[in-house]
Amino acid sequence: MALSYVSYTANGSTNQFAVTFNYIQQADVHVYLNGVEDTSFTFVNDALIQTSTTPANGVVVKVARITSTTVRTVDFQDGSVLTESDLDTSANQNFFTVQENFDR
């Protein structure tokens, strides 16, 4: 079972698909239709995306998380207050990138 993506087979009548994994920010979620990225999809809510067009019957829809490995989501500073939110976000960035590498 994949940890960082979910795949659907389109039925030709729906263009909304569930995001079944956690992510840090919406920009980390990507959608592919038969391997081609759909950069115009939108979020209906935090757990549901809508593709820019309705995929034809049989099209493979992949909703995937790609967490940045080049930019730290949280940059801790000397003398700043450590918050649970910042610590969780930093830990999640590491955790999610490990999951994504495992799925590859």
C-alpha atoms as a PDB file:
ATOM      1  CA  MET A   1       0.000   0.000   0.000  1.00  0.00           C
ATOM      2  CA  ALA A   2       1.375   3.395  -1.008  1.00  0.00           C
ATOM      3  CA  LEU A   3       1.886   5.970   1.730  1.00  0.00           C
ATOM      4  CA  SER A   4       2.214   9.133  -0.352  1.00  0.00           C
ATOM      5  CA  TYR A   5      -0.190   8.704  -3.247  1.00  0.00           C
ATOM      6  CA  VAL A   6      -3.476   7.169  -4.301  1.00  0.00           C
ATOM      7  CA  SER A   7      -4.521   6.037  -7.783  1.00  0.00           C
ATOM      8  CA  TYR A   8      -8.008   5.901  -9.227  1.00  0.00           C
ATOM      9  CA  THR A   9      -9.415   4.627 -12.492  1.00  0.00           C
ATOM     10  CA  ALA A  10     -11.733   7.312 -13.851  1.00  0.00           C
ATOM     11  CA  ASN A  11     -15.284   6.390 -14.816  1.00  0.00           C
ATOM     12  CA  GLY A  12     -15.854   9.286 -17.230  1.00  0.00           C
ATOM     13  CA  SER A  13     -18.443  11.011 -15.059  1.00  0.00           C
ATOM     14  CA  THR A  14     -16.612  12.336 -12.003  1.00  0.00           C
ATOM     15  CA  ASN A  15     -13.817  14.849 -11.636  1.00  0.00           C
ATOM     16  CA  GLN A  16     -13.468  14.819  -7.842  1.00  0.00           C
ATOM     17  CA  PHE A  17     -11.025  12.526  -6.062  1.00  0.00           C
ATOM     18  CA  ALA A  18     -10.122  11.999  -2.413  1.00  0.00           C
ATOM     19  CA  VAL A  19      -6.731  12.954  -0.994  1.00  0.00           C
ATOM     20  CA  THR A  20      -6.147  10.018   1.352  1.00  0.00           C
ATOM     21  CA  PHE A  21      -2.784  11.041   2.811  1.00  0.00           C
ATOM     22  CA  ASN A  22      -1.532  13.878   5.013  1.00  0.00           C
ATOM     23  CA  TYR A  23       0.433  16.793   3.577  1.00  0.00           C
ATOM     24  CA  ILE A  24       1.990  19.988   4.928  1.00  0.00           C
ATOM     25  CA  GLN A  25       0.686  22.449   2.341  1.00  0.00           C
ATOM     26  CA  GLN A  26      -1.594  22.223  -0.669  1.00  0.00           C
ATOM     27  CA  ALA A  27       1.335  22.985  -2.993  1.00  0.00           C
ATOM     28  CA  ASP A  28       2.741  19.553  -2.046  1.00  0.00           C
ATOM     29  CA  VAL A  29      -0.219  17.778  -3.698  1.00  0.00           C
ATOM     30  CA  HIS A  30       0.073  16.937  -7.396  1.00  0.00           C
ATOM     31  CA  VAL A  31      -2.397  15.306  -9.787  1.00  0.00           C
ATOM     32  CA  TYR A  32      -1.563  13.217 -12.849  1.00  0.00           C
ATOM     33  CA  LEU A  33      -3.907  11.961 -15.579  1.00  0.00           C
ATOM     34  CA  ASN A  34      -2.340   8.968 -17.361  1.00  0.00           C
ATOM     35  CA  GLY A  35       1.055  10.241 -16.190  1.00  0.00           C
ATOM     36  CA  VAL A  36       0.577  13.836 -17.373  1.00  0.00           C
ATOM     37  CA  GLU A  37       0.422  16.439 -14.610  1.00  0.00           C
ATOM     38  CA  ASP A  38      -2.809  18.419 -14.284  1.00  0.00           C
ATOM     39  CA  THR A  39      -1.577  21.757 -12.940  1.00  0.00           C
ATOM     40  CA  SER A  40      -5.055  23.322 -13.039  1.00  0.00           C
ATOM     41  CA  PHE A  41      -6.754  21.093 -10.466  1.00  0.00           C
ATOM     42  CA  THR A  42      -8.381  22.758  -7.455  1.00  0.00           C
ATOM     43  CA  PHE A  43      -9.075  21.827  -3.861  1.00  0.00           C
ATOM     44  CA  VAL A  44     -12.741  21.376  -2.940  1.00  0.00           C
ATOM     45  CA  ASN A  45     -11.640  20.995   0.685  1.00  0.00           C
ATOM     46  CA  ASP A  46      -8.566  19.652   2.496  1.00  0.00           C
ATOM     47  CA  ALA A  47      -9.398  16.050   1.566  1.00  0.00           C
ATOM     48  CA  LEU A  48     -10.886  16.405  -1.934  1.00  0.00           C
ATOM     49  CA  ILE A  49      -9.506  17.712  -5.234  1.00  0.00           C
ATOM     50  CA  GLN A  50     -11.247  18.455  -8.507  1.00  0.00           C
ATOM     51  CA  THR A  51      -9.481  17.949 -11.824  1.00  0.00           C
ATOM     52  CA  SER A  52      -9.650  20.713 -14.440  1.00  0.00           C
ATOM     53  CA  THR A  53     -11.558  18.407 -16.814  1.00  0.00           C
ATOM     54  CA  THR A  54     -13.539  15.223 -16.300  1.00  0.00           C
ATOM     55  CA  PRO A  55     -11.170  12.340 -17.104  1.00  0.00           C
ATOM     56  CA  ALA A  56     -12.453   9.845 -19.648  1.00  0.00           C
ATOM     57  CA  ASN A  57     -13.419   6.328 -18.603  1.00  0.00           C
ATOM     58  CA  GLY A  58     -10.295   4.271 -17.885  1.00  0.00           C
ATOM     59  CA  VAL A  59      -7.899   7.188 -17.351  1.00  0.00           C
ATOM     60  CA  VAL A  60      -5.584   6.593 -14.389  1.00  0.00           C
ATOM     61  CA  VAL A  61      -5.799   9.495 -11.939  1.00  0.00           C
ATOM     62  CA  LYS A  62      -2.900   9.667  -9.505  1.00  0.00           C
ATOM     63  CA  VAL A  63      -3.031  12.068  -6.568  1.00  0.00           C
ATOM     64  CA  ALA A  64       0.439  12.313  -5.032  1.00  0.00           C
ATOM     65  CA  ARG A  65       2.306  14.186  -2.339  1.00  0.00           C
ATOM     66  CA  ILE A  66       5.719  15.620  -3.226  1.00  0.00           C
ATOM     67  CA  THR A  67       7.318  17.250  -0.188  1.00  0.00           C
ATOM     68  CA  SER A  68      10.228  19.621  -0.728  1.00  0.00           C
ATOM     69  CA  THR A  69      13.633  18.149  -0.031  1.00  0.00           C
ATOM     70  CA  THR A  70      15.491  21.345  -0.909  1.00  0.00           C
ATOM     71  CA  VAL A  71      13.733  23.920   1.288  1.00  0.00           C
ATOM     72  CA  ARG A  72      13.097  23.540   5.000  1.00  0.00           C
ATOM     73  CA  THR A  73       9.474  24.186   5.894  1.00  0.00           C
ATOM     74  CA  VAL A  74      10.497  25.491   9.330  1.00  0.00           C
ATOM     75  CA  ASP A  75      13.666  27.461  10.066  1.00  0.00           C
ATOM     76  CA  PHE A  76      14.360  27.503  13.800  1.00  0.00           C
ATOM     77  CA  GLN A  77      16.067  30.601  15.221  1.00  0.00           C
ATOM     78  CA  ASP A  78      18.198  31.006  18.357  1.00  0.00           C
ATOM     79  CA  GLY A  79      16.171  32.477  21.195  1.00  0.00           C
ATOM     80  CA  SER A  80      12.810  31.760  19.585  1.00  0.00           C
ATOM     81  CA  VAL A  81      10.021  29.859  21.303  1.00  0.00           C
ATOM     82  CA  LEU A  82       9.703  26.242  20.199  1.00  0.00           C
ATOM     83  CA  THR A  83       6.096  25.446  19.413  1.00  0.00           C
ATOM     84  CA  GLU A  84       4.450  22.083  18.986  1.00  0.00           C
ATOM     85  CA  SER A  85       3.207  23.181  15.575  1.00  0.00           C
ATOM     86  CA  ASP A  86       6.704  24.052  14.308  1.00  0.00           C
ATOM     87  CA  LEU A  87       8.192  20.853  15.710  1.00  0.00           C
ATOM     88  CA  ASP A  88       5.414  18.747  14.174  1.00  0.00           C
ATOM     89  CA  THR A  89       5.774  20.472  10.802  1.00  0.00           C
ATOM     90  CA  SER A  90       9.541  19.951  10.777  1.00  0.00           C
ATOM     91  CA  ALA A  91       9.201  16.293  11.782  1.00  0.00           C
ATOM     92  CA  ASN A  92       6.447  15.751   9.203  1.00  0.00           C
ATOM     93  CA  GLN A  93       8.640  17.125   6.424  1.00  0.00           C
ATOM     94  CA  ASN A  94      11.232  14.465   7.221  1.00  0.00           C
ATOM     95  CA  PHE A  95       8.620  11.731   7.730  1.00  0.00           C
ATOM     96  CA  PHE A  96       6.806  12.510   4.484  1.00  0.00           C
ATOM     97  CA  THR A  97       9.985  12.570   2.382  1.00  0.00           C
ATOM     98  CA  VAL A  98      10.942   9.154   3.763  1.00  0.00           C
ATOM     99  CA  GLN A  99       7.486   7.813   2.831  1.00  0.00           C
ATOM    100  CA  GLU A 100       7.767   9.279  -0.672  1.00  0.00           C
ATOM    101  CA  ASN A 101      11.181   7.685  -1.172  1.00  0.00           C
ATOM    102  CA  PHE A 102       9.810   4.359   0.113  1.00  0.00           C
ATOM    103  CA  ASP A 103       6.958   4.553  -2.426  1.00  0.00           C
ATOM    104  CA  ARG A 104       9.408   5.086  -5.301  1.00  0.00           C
END
